Amino acid sequence: MGRRIYIFLLLLLLPRIAAMAQKPFAEGTIIYVVKLRSADQKELTGRYTFVIKGGEIRKELKLNNGFQDVVLLNCNTGKVYSLQNRNGKKFAIQSDMDELLRKQQKFSNYTMKNEIANTTKIAGYASYKGNVNYTDGSNSDIVYTKDWCPAQAVTFERFPAAKFLPVSFSYRDEDSVEMEFEIEKIEPGPIENAVFRIPPDYKMISYAEYKQLSK
């Protein structure tokens, strides 16, 4: 009888232990090595850096041709800014968090299939291989760790509300550019608030105003 009670209690505790093992990545830096390949086979490389602190996320893409793109997300206020340098003029373009969520909606309700454990650790963490299947019929291979998960549902555009942290994945965007991401560093730790501030030399404008300037 005592053994049965022990097994019963253990079964009750297992889901709780698993939940405790997976930690929301609420503050720190995640860096990916990124490779872009266009339809005409031109290739660029660079790094894609996520800096995270609570509800604030800074995404910065730097490529070896000098291209740089920075997006600041504030999940607490619902504000989104894209920092752009256009012909020497610097703009902080405000967009709508609701619009971002609408664009992400098509990637929601995905399922993970064919999961197997990786034989080696990646970035110091146990990892798994799987295949992400979207509701539109598309799918993508992925390597991920269950040790961490995003604290904010919008962190990864292709994996909304993920219960894992992607470490290696690829996809083809709307312009037929193939994008490959391979994690280089997962570094939890304190982040300065200044990282999420708009630099004083950037002019804040709306997306509609920026579209007018682009004509």
N, C-alpha and C. Protein backbone atom coordinates (compact mmCIF):
# COMPACT_ATOMS: atom_id res chain seq x y z
N MET A 1 0.83 -1.21 0.00
CA MET A 1 0.00 0.00 0.00
C MET A 1 0.87 1.26 0.00
N GLY A 2 1.93 1.22 0.85
CA GLY A 2 2.82 2.39 0.93
C GLY A 2 3.47 2.71 -0.40
N ARG A 3 3.84 1.65 -1.15
CA ARG A 3 4.47 1.86 -2.46
C ARG A 3 3.49 2.48 -3.45
N ARG A 4 2.23 2.07 -3.40
CA ARG A 4 1.22 2.62 -4.30
C ARG A 4 1.01 4.10 -4.04
N ILE A 5 0.95 4.46 -2.76
CA ILE A 5 0.78 5.87 -2.39
C ILE A 5 1.97 6.69 -2.89
N TYR A 6 3.19 6.13 -2.76
CA TYR A 6 4.39 6.82 -3.20
C TYR A 6 4.34 7.09 -4.72
N ILE A 7 3.96 6.05 -5.47
CA ILE A 7 3.89 6.20 -6.94
C ILE A 7 2.82 7.22 -7.32
N PHE A 8 1.68 7.19 -6.61
CA PHE A 8 0.60 8.13 -6.90
C PHE A 8 1.06 9.58 -6.68
N LEU A 9 1.75 9.80 -5.54
CA LEU A 9 2.25 11.15 -5.25
C LEU A 9 3.30 11.59 -6.26
N LEU A 10 4.14 10.65 -6.69
CA LEU A 10 5.17 10.97 -7.67
C LEU A 10 4.54 11.40 -8.99
N LEU A 11 3.48 10.71 -9.42
CA LEU A 11 2.80 11.06 -10.66
C LEU A 11 2.16 12.43 -10.57
N LEU A 12 1.67 12.78 -9.39
CA LEU A 12 1.09 14.11 -9.20
C LEU A 12 2.15 15.20 -9.28
N LEU A 13 3.35 14.87 -8.80
CA LEU A 13 4.42 15.86 -8.74
C LEU A 13 5.15 16.05 -10.07
N LEU A 14 5.14 15.05 -10.94
CA LEU A 14 5.92 15.12 -12.18
C LEU A 14 5.58 16.33 -13.04
N PRO A 15 4.30 16.64 -13.30
CA PRO A 15 4.01 17.84 -14.09
C PRO A 15 4.52 19.11 -13.44
N ARG A 16 4.47 19.17 -12.11
CA ARG A 16 4.94 20.35 -11.38
C ARG A 16 6.46 20.48 -11.51
N ILE A 17 7.17 19.33 -11.42
CA ILE A 17 8.62 19.35 -11.57
C ILE A 17 9.01 19.81 -12.96
N ALA A 18 8.29 19.31 -13.99
CA ALA A 18 8.58 19.70 -15.37
C ALA A 18 8.36 21.18 -15.57
N ALA A 19 7.27 21.71 -14.99
CA ALA A 19 6.97 23.14 -15.14
C ALA A 19 8.04 23.99 -14.48
N MET A 20 8.55 23.51 -13.33
CA MET A 20 9.58 24.27 -12.62
C MET A 20 10.90 24.26 -13.38
N ALA A 21 11.16 23.18 -14.14
CA ALA A 21 12.41 23.07 -14.87
C ALA A 21 12.47 24.06 -16.02
N GLN A 22 11.31 24.35 -16.63
CA GLN A 22 11.26 25.29 -17.74
C GLN A 22 11.09 26.70 -17.20
N LYS A 23 12.02 27.59 -17.55
CA LYS A 23 12.00 28.93 -17.00
C LYS A 23 11.70 29.96 -18.09
N PRO A 24 10.81 30.92 -17.82
CA PRO A 24 10.61 32.01 -18.77
C PRO A 24 11.89 32.86 -18.87
N PHE A 25 12.31 33.15 -20.08
CA PHE A 25 13.50 33.99 -20.27
C PHE A 25 13.05 35.43 -20.14
N ALA A 26 13.11 35.96 -18.91
CA ALA A 26 12.55 37.27 -18.60
C ALA A 26 13.57 38.40 -18.67
N GLU A 27 14.87 38.08 -18.62
CA GLU A 27 15.89 39.14 -18.68
C GLU A 27 17.22 38.55 -19.14
N GLY A 28 17.78 39.17 -20.18
CA GLY A 28 19.06 38.70 -20.68
C GLY A 28 19.19 38.91 -22.18
N THR A 29 20.16 38.24 -22.78
CA THR A 29 20.48 38.42 -24.20
C THR A 29 20.52 37.06 -24.90
N ILE A 30 19.94 37.01 -26.09
CA ILE A 30 19.99 35.83 -26.94
C ILE A 30 20.54 36.26 -28.30
N ILE A 31 21.58 35.61 -28.78
CA ILE A 31 22.21 36.00 -30.05
C ILE A 31 22.18 34.82 -31.02
N TYR A 32 21.74 35.10 -32.24
CA TYR A 32 21.74 34.11 -33.32
C TYR A 32 22.70 34.54 -34.42
N VAL A 33 23.43 33.59 -34.97
CA VAL A 33 24.14 33.81 -36.23
C VAL A 33 23.11 33.60 -37.33
N VAL A 34 23.02 34.55 -38.25
CA VAL A 34 21.98 34.50 -39.27
C VAL A 34 22.60 34.49 -40.66
N LYS A 35 21.97 33.74 -41.56
CA LYS A 35 22.41 33.68 -42.96
C LYS A 35 21.19 33.91 -43.85
N LEU A 36 21.30 34.86 -44.78
CA LEU A 36 20.22 35.17 -45.70
C LEU A 36 20.65 34.81 -47.12
N ARG A 37 19.78 34.14 -47.85
CA ARG A 37 20.07 33.76 -49.23
C ARG A 37 18.89 34.15 -50.10
N SER A 38 19.13 35.05 -51.08
CA SER A 38 18.06 35.53 -51.95
C SER A 38 17.75 34.51 -53.04
N ALA A 39 16.69 34.79 -53.80
CA ALA A 39 16.28 33.87 -54.86
C ALA A 39 17.35 33.72 -55.92
N ASP A 40 18.18 34.76 -56.12
CA ASP A 40 19.27 34.68 -57.10
C ASP A 40 20.58 34.19 -56.47
N GLN A 41 20.46 33.59 -55.26
CA GLN A 41 21.57 32.93 -54.56
C GLN A 41 22.62 33.90 -53.99
N LYS A 42 22.30 35.17 -53.89
CA LYS A 42 23.19 36.10 -53.19
C LYS A 42 23.06 35.85 -51.69
N GLU A 43 24.19 35.86 -50.99
CA GLU A 43 24.19 35.48 -49.58
C GLU A 43 24.75 36.57 -48.69
N LEU A 44 24.09 36.77 -47.56
CA LEU A 44 24.56 37.71 -46.54
C LEU A 44 24.58 36.99 -45.20
N THR A 45 25.48 37.40 -44.33
CA THR A 45 25.55 36.82 -42.99
C THR A 45 25.53 37.95 -41.96
N GLY A 46 25.25 37.60 -40.73
CA GLY A 46 25.22 38.60 -39.68
C GLY A 46 24.78 38.00 -38.36
N ARG A 47 24.25 38.86 -37.50
CA ARG A 47 23.77 38.42 -36.19
C ARG A 47 22.43 39.07 -35.88
N TYR A 48 21.59 38.29 -35.22
CA TYR A 48 20.28 38.77 -34.80
C TYR A 48 20.24 38.67 -33.28
N THR A 49 20.15 39.81 -32.62
CA THR A 49 20.27 39.87 -31.17
C THR A 49 18.94 40.25 -30.53
N PHE A 50 18.52 39.46 -29.54
CA PHE A 50 17.35 39.76 -28.73
C PHE A 50 17.84 40.20 -27.35
N VAL A 51 17.45 41.40 -26.94
CA VAL A 51 17.74 41.87 -25.58
C VAL A 51 16.39 42.00 -24.88
N ILE A 52 16.25 41.37 -23.73
CA ILE A 52 14.93 41.23 -23.09
C ILE A 52 15.00 41.65 -21.63
N LYS A 53 13.99 42.41 -21.22
CA LYS A 53 13.86 42.77 -19.81
C LYS A 53 12.37 42.91 -19.51
N GLY A 54 11.81 41.91 -18.86
CA GLY A 54 10.38 41.95 -18.55
C GLY A 54 9.55 42.03 -19.81
N GLY A 55 8.76 43.10 -19.93
CA GLY A 55 7.89 43.29 -21.08
C GLY A 55 8.54 44.04 -22.22
N GLU A 56 9.84 44.35 -22.10
CA GLU A 56 10.52 45.10 -23.15
C GLU A 56 11.48 44.19 -23.93
N ILE A 57 11.44 44.32 -25.25
CA ILE A 57 12.26 43.49 -26.12
C ILE A 57 12.92 44.37 -27.18
N ARG A 58 14.21 44.21 -27.35
CA ARG A 58 14.94 44.89 -28.42
C ARG A 58 15.46 43.82 -29.38
N LYS A 59 15.05 43.93 -30.65
CA LYS A 59 15.53 43.01 -31.69
C LYS A 59 16.42 43.80 -32.64
N GLU A 60 17.65 43.32 -32.81
CA GLU A 60 18.60 44.04 -33.66
C GLU A 60 19.25 43.09 -34.65
N LEU A 61 19.05 43.38 -35.93
CA LEU A 61 19.65 42.59 -37.01
C LEU A 61 20.78 43.40 -37.63
N LYS A 62 21.99 42.84 -37.63
CA LYS A 62 23.16 43.47 -38.25
C LYS A 62 23.73 42.50 -39.28
N LEU A 63 23.88 42.97 -40.53
CA LEU A 63 24.43 42.14 -41.59
C LEU A 63 25.80 42.64 -42.01
N ASN A 64 26.54 41.76 -42.68
CA ASN A 64 27.93 42.10 -43.04
C ASN A 64 28.03 43.14 -44.15
N ASN A 65 26.91 43.52 -44.77
CA ASN A 65 26.94 44.58 -45.78
C ASN A 65 26.64 45.95 -45.19
N GLY A 66 26.54 46.02 -43.85
CA GLY A 66 26.29 47.29 -43.17
C GLY A 66 24.83 47.53 -42.82
N PHE A 67 23.94 46.68 -43.31
CA PHE A 67 22.52 46.84 -43.01
C PHE A 67 22.27 46.62 -41.52
N GLN A 68 21.40 47.46 -40.95
CA GLN A 68 21.04 47.35 -39.54
C GLN A 68 19.57 47.66 -39.36
N ASP A 69 18.89 46.85 -38.60
CA ASP A 69 17.47 47.06 -38.33
C ASP A 69 17.23 46.82 -36.85
N VAL A 70 16.60 47.78 -36.19
CA VAL A 70 16.32 47.67 -34.75
C VAL A 70 14.82 47.86 -34.52
N VAL A 71 14.23 46.95 -33.76
CA VAL A 71 12.82 47.06 -33.38
C VAL A 71 12.74 47.03 -31.86
N LEU A 72 12.01 47.99 -31.30
CA LEU A 72 11.80 48.06 -29.85
C LEU A 72 10.34 47.74 -29.56
N LEU A 73 10.10 46.71 -28.76
CA LEU A 73 8.75 46.31 -28.38
C LEU A 73 8.56 46.55 -26.89
N ASN A 74 7.47 47.22 -26.55
CA ASN A 74 7.11 47.36 -25.15
C ASN A 74 5.76 46.70 -24.94
N CYS A 75 5.79 45.49 -24.43
CA CYS A 75 4.56 44.72 -24.26
C CYS A 75 3.70 45.26 -23.12
N ASN A 76 4.27 46.12 -22.28
CA ASN A 76 3.50 46.71 -21.17
C ASN A 76 2.65 47.87 -21.67
N THR A 77 3.19 48.68 -22.58
CA THR A 77 2.47 49.86 -23.08
C THR A 77 1.84 49.62 -24.45
N GLY A 78 2.24 48.55 -25.14
CA GLY A 78 1.72 48.28 -26.47
C GLY A 78 2.38 49.11 -27.56
N LYS A 79 3.52 49.73 -27.25
CA LYS A 79 4.21 50.56 -28.23
C LYS A 79 5.30 49.77 -28.96
N VAL A 80 5.42 50.03 -30.26
CA VAL A 80 6.43 49.38 -31.10
C VAL A 80 7.11 50.46 -31.92
N TYR A 81 8.44 50.46 -31.91
CA TYR A 81 9.20 51.42 -32.72
C TYR A 81 10.22 50.68 -33.57
N SER A 82 10.36 51.12 -34.81
CA SER A 82 11.40 50.63 -35.69
C SER A 82 12.38 51.77 -35.92
N LEU A 83 13.66 51.54 -35.60
CA LEU A 83 14.69 52.59 -35.77
C LEU A 83 15.29 52.45 -37.16
N GLN A 84 15.14 53.49 -37.97
CA GLN A 84 15.62 53.47 -39.35
C GLN A 84 16.51 54.67 -39.63
N ASN A 85 17.58 54.41 -40.40
CA ASN A 85 18.48 55.48 -40.84
C ASN A 85 18.32 55.60 -42.36
N ARG A 86 17.65 56.64 -42.80
CA ARG A 86 17.34 56.83 -44.22
C ARG A 86 18.10 58.02 -44.77
N ASN A 87 19.11 57.74 -45.57
CA ASN A 87 19.94 58.79 -46.18
C ASN A 87 20.50 59.75 -45.13
N GLY A 88 20.95 59.17 -44.02
CA GLY A 88 21.54 59.99 -42.97
C GLY A 88 20.54 60.58 -42.00
N LYS A 89 19.25 60.45 -42.29
CA LYS A 89 18.21 60.95 -41.40
C LYS A 89 17.68 59.77 -40.56
N LYS A 90 17.61 59.98 -39.26
CA LYS A 90 17.26 58.91 -38.35
C LYS A 90 15.82 59.06 -37.86
N PHE A 91 15.05 57.98 -38.00
CA PHE A 91 13.65 58.00 -37.62
C PHE A 91 13.33 56.84 -36.67
N ALA A 92 12.48 57.14 -35.69
CA ALA A 92 11.88 56.11 -34.84
C ALA A 92 10.43 56.01 -35.27
N ILE A 93 10.11 54.96 -36.03
CA ILE A 93 8.80 54.84 -36.66
C ILE A 93 7.88 54.05 -35.74
N GLN A 94 6.82 54.71 -35.30
CA GLN A 94 5.90 54.04 -34.38
C GLN A 94 4.87 53.22 -35.15
N SER A 95 4.70 51.99 -34.74
CA SER A 95 3.65 51.15 -35.31
C SER A 95 2.78 50.61 -34.19
N ASP A 96 1.85 49.76 -34.54
CA ASP A 96 0.81 49.32 -33.61
C ASP A 96 1.06 47.88 -33.17
N MET A 97 1.07 47.65 -31.86
CA MET A 97 1.24 46.29 -31.35
C MET A 97 0.11 45.37 -31.83
N ASP A 98 -1.10 45.93 -31.95
CA ASP A 98 -2.23 45.13 -32.43
C ASP A 98 -1.98 44.65 -33.86
N GLU A 99 -1.37 45.52 -34.69
CA GLU A 99 -1.06 45.13 -36.06
C GLU A 99 -0.02 44.02 -36.08
N LEU A 100 0.97 44.12 -35.19
CA LEU A 100 2.00 43.09 -35.09
C LEU A 100 1.36 41.75 -34.70
N LEU A 101 0.42 41.80 -33.77
CA LEU A 101 -0.25 40.58 -33.32
C LEU A 101 -1.11 39.98 -34.43
N ARG A 102 -1.72 40.86 -35.26
CA ARG A 102 -2.52 40.37 -36.38
C ARG A 102 -1.65 39.65 -37.39
N LYS A 103 -0.45 40.18 -37.65
CA LYS A 103 0.47 39.53 -38.59
C LYS A 103 0.96 38.20 -38.05
N GLN A 104 1.11 38.13 -36.73
CA GLN A 104 1.60 36.91 -36.10
C GLN A 104 0.52 35.83 -36.01
N GLN A 105 -0.73 36.24 -36.16
CA GLN A 105 -1.84 35.32 -35.97
C GLN A 105 -1.78 34.12 -36.91
N LYS A 106 -1.27 34.33 -38.13
CA LYS A 106 -1.24 33.22 -39.10
C LYS A 106 -0.27 32.11 -38.69
N PHE A 107 0.62 32.42 -37.73
CA PHE A 107 1.55 31.40 -37.25
C PHE A 107 1.07 30.73 -35.96
N SER A 108 -0.09 31.15 -35.49
CA SER A 108 -0.61 30.60 -34.23
C SER A 108 -1.16 29.19 -34.43
N ASN A 109 -1.38 28.51 -33.31
CA ASN A 109 -1.99 27.17 -33.29
C ASN A 109 -1.18 26.14 -34.08
N TYR A 110 0.13 26.32 -34.12
CA TYR A 110 0.99 25.33 -34.76
C TYR A 110 1.13 24.11 -33.84
N THR A 111 1.57 23.01 -34.43
CA THR A 111 1.82 21.80 -33.64
C THR A 111 3.25 21.33 -33.87
N MET A 112 3.82 20.68 -32.88
CA MET A 112 5.17 20.13 -32.98
C MET A 112 5.07 18.62 -33.20
N LYS A 113 5.71 18.13 -34.26
CA LYS A 113 5.66 16.71 -34.58
C LYS A 113 7.07 16.13 -34.70
N ASN A 114 7.14 14.81 -34.59
CA ASN A 114 8.39 14.06 -34.78
C ASN A 114 9.51 14.53 -33.85
N GLU A 115 9.17 14.79 -32.60
CA GLU A 115 10.17 15.26 -31.65
C GLU A 115 11.12 14.12 -31.25
N ILE A 116 12.42 14.42 -31.32
CA ILE A 116 13.43 13.48 -30.81
C ILE A 116 14.48 14.27 -30.05
N ALA A 117 15.10 13.64 -29.06
CA ALA A 117 16.13 14.31 -28.27
C ALA A 117 17.44 14.39 -29.06
N ASN A 118 18.11 15.54 -28.97
CA ASN A 118 19.42 15.71 -29.58
C ASN A 118 20.47 15.01 -28.73
N THR A 119 21.48 14.45 -29.35
CA THR A 119 22.51 13.73 -28.60
C THR A 119 23.51 14.67 -27.93
N THR A 120 23.61 15.91 -28.41
CA THR A 120 24.56 16.86 -27.83
C THR A 120 23.84 18.11 -27.35
N LYS A 121 24.44 18.77 -26.38
CA LYS A 121 23.89 20.03 -25.90
C LYS A 121 24.23 21.16 -26.87
N ILE A 122 23.35 22.14 -26.94
CA ILE A 122 23.57 23.32 -27.78
C ILE A 122 23.51 24.54 -26.89
N ALA A 123 24.57 25.36 -26.97
CA ALA A 123 24.70 26.55 -26.11
C ALA A 123 24.62 26.16 -24.64
N GLY A 124 25.02 24.92 -24.33
CA GLY A 124 25.05 24.45 -22.95
C GLY A 124 23.74 23.86 -22.46
N TYR A 125 22.74 23.73 -23.33
CA TYR A 125 21.44 23.24 -22.90
C TYR A 125 21.03 22.00 -23.69
N ALA A 126 20.28 21.12 -23.02
CA ALA A 126 19.73 19.95 -23.70
C ALA A 126 18.76 20.44 -24.78
N SER A 127 18.80 19.78 -25.94
CA SER A 127 17.97 20.24 -27.05
C SER A 127 17.22 19.09 -27.70
N TYR A 128 16.24 19.47 -28.51
CA TYR A 128 15.39 18.51 -29.20
C TYR A 128 15.24 18.93 -30.66
N LYS A 129 14.97 17.95 -31.51
CA LYS A 129 14.64 18.22 -32.90
C LYS A 129 13.15 17.94 -33.10
N GLY A 130 12.53 18.74 -33.96
CA GLY A 130 11.13 18.53 -34.26
C GLY A 130 10.75 19.19 -35.56
N ASN A 131 9.48 19.12 -35.87
CA ASN A 131 8.95 19.72 -37.09
C ASN A 131 7.71 20.52 -36.74
N VAL A 132 7.77 21.84 -36.98
CA VAL A 132 6.65 22.73 -36.69
C VAL A 132 5.68 22.69 -37.86
N ASN A 133 4.43 22.39 -37.57
CA ASN A 133 3.39 22.33 -38.60
C ASN A 133 2.36 23.43 -38.37
N TYR A 134 2.18 24.29 -39.40
CA TYR A 134 1.25 25.41 -39.30
C TYR A 134 -0.11 25.05 -39.90
N THR A 135 -1.11 25.83 -39.55
CA THR A 135 -2.48 25.52 -39.99
C THR A 135 -2.67 25.70 -41.49
N ASP A 136 -1.77 26.45 -42.17
CA ASP A 136 -1.90 26.63 -43.61
C ASP A 136 -1.27 25.47 -44.40
N GLY A 137 -0.75 24.46 -43.69
CA GLY A 137 -0.16 23.31 -44.34
C GLY A 137 1.35 23.36 -44.47
N SER A 138 1.96 24.53 -44.20
CA SER A 138 3.41 24.65 -44.27
C SER A 138 4.05 24.05 -43.02
N ASN A 139 5.34 23.71 -43.12
CA ASN A 139 6.03 23.16 -41.96
C ASN A 139 7.51 23.52 -42.04
N SER A 140 8.20 23.38 -40.92
CA SER A 140 9.60 23.76 -40.85
C SER A 140 10.31 22.94 -39.78
N ASP A 141 11.51 22.46 -40.09
CA ASP A 141 12.31 21.75 -39.10
C ASP A 141 12.89 22.75 -38.10
N ILE A 142 13.05 22.30 -36.87
CA ILE A 142 13.55 23.20 -35.82
C ILE A 142 14.32 22.39 -34.78
N VAL A 143 15.31 23.03 -34.18
CA VAL A 143 15.99 22.51 -32.99
C VAL A 143 15.68 23.49 -31.87
N TYR A 144 15.39 23.00 -30.67
CA TYR A 144 14.95 23.88 -29.59
C TYR A 144 15.33 23.29 -28.25
N THR A 145 15.32 24.14 -27.24
CA THR A 145 15.54 23.69 -25.87
C THR A 145 14.28 23.95 -25.06
N LYS A 146 14.00 23.04 -24.13
CA LYS A 146 12.85 23.20 -23.24
C LYS A 146 13.27 23.81 -21.90
N ASP A 147 14.56 24.07 -21.74
CA ASP A 147 15.03 24.66 -20.49
C ASP A 147 14.52 26.08 -20.31
N TRP A 148 14.31 26.78 -21.44
CA TRP A 148 13.82 28.15 -21.43
C TRP A 148 12.60 28.26 -22.33
N CYS A 149 11.80 29.28 -22.09
CA CYS A 149 10.72 29.64 -23.00
C CYS A 149 10.59 31.16 -22.97
N PRO A 150 10.09 31.79 -24.04
CA PRO A 150 9.94 33.25 -24.04
C PRO A 150 8.96 33.70 -22.96
N ALA A 151 9.30 34.79 -22.31
CA ALA A 151 8.40 35.34 -21.29
C ALA A 151 7.22 36.07 -21.94
N GLN A 152 7.42 36.55 -23.17
CA GLN A 152 6.37 37.27 -23.89
C GLN A 152 5.96 36.49 -25.14
N ALA A 153 4.67 36.38 -25.39
CA ALA A 153 4.16 35.57 -26.50
C ALA A 153 4.62 36.08 -27.86
N VAL A 154 4.93 37.38 -27.97
CA VAL A 154 5.27 37.98 -29.28
C VAL A 154 6.76 37.92 -29.58
N THR A 155 7.56 37.31 -28.72
CA THR A 155 9.01 37.37 -28.87
C THR A 155 9.47 36.86 -30.23
N PHE A 156 9.00 35.68 -30.62
CA PHE A 156 9.40 35.08 -31.90
C PHE A 156 8.20 35.07 -32.84
N GLU A 157 8.32 35.80 -33.93
CA GLU A 157 7.20 35.96 -34.85
C GLU A 157 6.63 34.63 -35.33
N ARG A 158 7.50 33.68 -35.65
CA ARG A 158 7.05 32.40 -36.21
C ARG A 158 6.63 31.39 -35.15
N PHE A 159 6.90 31.70 -33.88
CA PHE A 159 6.56 30.77 -32.80
C PHE A 159 5.84 31.50 -31.67
N PRO A 160 4.65 32.04 -31.94
CA PRO A 160 3.95 32.79 -30.89
C PRO A 160 3.61 31.92 -29.69
N ALA A 161 3.80 32.49 -28.51
CA ALA A 161 3.49 31.79 -27.24
C ALA A 161 4.22 30.46 -27.14
N ALA A 162 5.45 30.40 -27.64
CA ALA A 162 6.22 29.15 -27.63
C ALA A 162 6.49 28.68 -26.21
N LYS A 163 6.46 27.37 -26.01
CA LYS A 163 6.82 26.75 -24.74
C LYS A 163 8.25 26.20 -24.81
N PHE A 164 9.04 26.76 -25.69
CA PHE A 164 10.42 26.35 -25.89
C PHE A 164 11.20 27.56 -26.40
N LEU A 165 12.52 27.44 -26.43
CA LEU A 165 13.36 28.49 -27.00
C LEU A 165 14.02 27.93 -28.26
N PRO A 166 13.73 28.48 -29.44
CA PRO A 166 14.33 27.96 -30.67
C PRO A 166 15.83 28.20 -30.69
N VAL A 167 16.61 27.20 -31.08
CA VAL A 167 18.06 27.35 -31.15
C VAL A 167 18.58 27.23 -32.58
N SER A 168 17.80 26.59 -33.46
CA SER A 168 18.19 26.49 -34.87
C SER A 168 16.93 26.30 -35.70
N PHE A 169 16.73 27.21 -36.67
CA PHE A 169 15.54 27.10 -37.52
C PHE A 169 15.77 27.90 -38.80
N SER A 170 14.93 27.67 -39.77
CA SER A 170 15.02 28.40 -41.04
C SER A 170 13.63 28.53 -41.64
N TYR A 171 13.48 29.50 -42.53
CA TYR A 171 12.23 29.67 -43.26
C TYR A 171 12.47 30.56 -44.48
N ARG A 172 11.51 30.57 -45.38
CA ARG A 172 11.56 31.43 -46.56
C ARG A 172 10.49 32.50 -46.41
N ASP A 173 10.88 33.78 -46.53
CA ASP A 173 9.91 34.85 -46.33
C ASP A 173 9.11 35.15 -47.60
N GLU A 174 8.28 36.20 -47.53
CA GLU A 174 7.39 36.54 -48.64
C GLU A 174 8.15 36.97 -49.89
N ASP A 175 9.40 37.42 -49.73
CA ASP A 175 10.21 37.83 -50.87
C ASP A 175 11.13 36.72 -51.37
N SER A 176 10.84 35.49 -50.96
CA SER A 176 11.62 34.30 -51.35
C SER A 176 13.07 34.35 -50.84
N VAL A 177 13.29 35.08 -49.75
CA VAL A 177 14.60 35.10 -49.11
C VAL A 177 14.64 33.99 -48.07
N GLU A 178 15.61 33.09 -48.20
CA GLU A 178 15.77 32.01 -47.24
C GLU A 178 16.58 32.51 -46.05
N MET A 179 16.08 32.33 -44.85
CA MET A 179 16.72 32.84 -43.64
C MET A 179 17.03 31.67 -42.71
N GLU A 180 18.29 31.59 -42.28
CA GLU A 180 18.71 30.53 -41.37
C GLU A 180 19.23 31.15 -40.07
N PHE A 181 18.82 30.59 -38.94
CA PHE A 181 19.20 31.09 -37.62
C PHE A 181 19.84 29.96 -36.81
N GLU A 182 20.99 30.25 -36.25
CA GLU A 182 21.70 29.27 -35.41
C GLU A 182 22.14 29.99 -34.14
N ILE A 183 21.71 29.49 -32.99
CA ILE A 183 21.98 30.22 -31.76
C ILE A 183 23.47 30.24 -31.44
N GLU A 184 23.94 31.38 -30.98
CA GLU A 184 25.34 31.54 -30.59
C GLU A 184 25.50 31.68 -29.08
N LYS A 185 24.53 32.34 -28.47
CA LYS A 185 24.65 32.60 -27.03
C LYS A 185 23.28 32.76 -26.39
N ILE A 186 23.11 32.15 -25.22
CA ILE A 186 21.96 32.40 -24.35
C ILE A 186 22.53 32.91 -23.04
N GLU A 187 22.30 34.15 -22.74
CA GLU A 187 22.96 34.78 -21.59
C GLU A 187 21.95 35.48 -20.69
N PRO A 188 21.37 34.77 -19.73
CA PRO A 188 20.48 35.45 -18.78
C PRO A 188 21.28 36.36 -17.86
N GLY A 189 20.66 37.48 -17.47
CA GLY A 189 21.35 38.41 -16.57
C GLY A 189 20.76 39.80 -16.66
N PRO A 190 21.18 40.69 -15.77
CA PRO A 190 20.61 42.05 -15.71
C PRO A 190 20.87 42.84 -17.00
N ILE A 191 19.87 43.63 -17.41
CA ILE A 191 19.95 44.49 -18.59
C ILE A 191 19.62 45.92 -18.17
N GLU A 192 20.40 46.88 -18.67
CA GLU A 192 20.15 48.29 -18.37
C GLU A 192 18.91 48.78 -19.11
N ASN A 193 18.13 49.65 -18.47
CA ASN A 193 16.93 50.21 -19.08
C ASN A 193 17.25 51.04 -20.33
N ALA A 194 18.44 51.63 -20.36
CA ALA A 194 18.82 52.50 -21.47
C ALA A 194 18.82 51.80 -22.82
N VAL A 195 18.98 50.48 -22.80
CA VAL A 195 19.00 49.69 -24.04
C VAL A 195 17.70 49.85 -24.82
N PHE A 196 16.60 50.12 -24.12
CA PHE A 196 15.28 50.17 -24.75
C PHE A 196 14.81 51.60 -25.05
N ARG A 197 15.66 52.58 -24.79
CA ARG A 197 15.30 53.97 -25.05
C ARG A 197 15.58 54.35 -26.50
N ILE A 198 14.75 55.23 -27.02
CA ILE A 198 14.98 55.74 -28.37
C ILE A 198 16.09 56.78 -28.30
N PRO A 199 17.17 56.64 -29.08
CA PRO A 199 18.27 57.61 -29.03
C PRO A 199 17.76 59.02 -29.33
N PRO A 200 18.34 60.04 -28.69
CA PRO A 200 17.83 61.41 -28.84
C PRO A 200 17.96 61.97 -30.25
N ASP A 201 18.85 61.39 -31.08
CA ASP A 201 19.02 61.91 -32.44
C ASP A 201 18.05 61.27 -33.44
N TYR A 202 17.09 60.48 -32.94
CA TYR A 202 16.07 59.87 -33.80
C TYR A 202 14.77 60.66 -33.67
N LYS A 203 14.17 60.99 -34.80
CA LYS A 203 12.90 61.72 -34.83
C LYS A 203 11.75 60.72 -34.82
N MET A 204 10.81 60.88 -33.89
CA MET A 204 9.66 59.97 -33.80
C MET A 204 8.59 60.39 -34.81
N ILE A 205 8.20 59.46 -35.67
CA ILE A 205 7.15 59.71 -36.65
C ILE A 205 6.25 58.48 -36.73
N SER A 206 5.07 58.67 -37.32
CA SER A 206 4.14 57.55 -37.48
C SER A 206 4.54 56.75 -38.72
N TYR A 207 3.98 55.55 -38.82
CA TYR A 207 4.27 54.72 -39.99
C TYR A 207 3.73 55.38 -41.26
N ALA A 208 2.56 56.04 -41.16
CA ALA A 208 1.98 56.73 -42.31
C ALA A 208 2.91 57.85 -42.80
N GLU A 209 3.49 58.59 -41.86
CA GLU A 209 4.44 59.65 -42.23
C GLU A 209 5.68 59.08 -42.92
N TYR A 210 6.15 57.93 -42.42
CA TYR A 210 7.32 57.31 -43.01
C TYR A 210 7.02 56.84 -44.43
N LYS A 211 5.82 56.33 -44.67
CA LYS A 211 5.43 55.89 -46.00
C LYS A 211 5.42 57.06 -46.97
N GLN A 212 5.00 58.22 -46.51
CA GLN A 212 5.02 59.42 -47.35
C GLN A 212 6.43 59.80 -47.72
N LEU A 213 7.37 59.68 -46.77
CA LEU A 213 8.77 60.00 -47.04
C LEU A 213 9.39 59.01 -48.02
N SER A 214 8.87 57.79 -48.04
CA SER A 214 9.42 56.75 -48.88
C SER A 214 9.00 56.83 -50.34
N LYS A 215 8.01 57.70 -50.63
CA LYS A 215 7.51 57.82 -52.00
C LYS A 215 8.52 58.54 -52.89
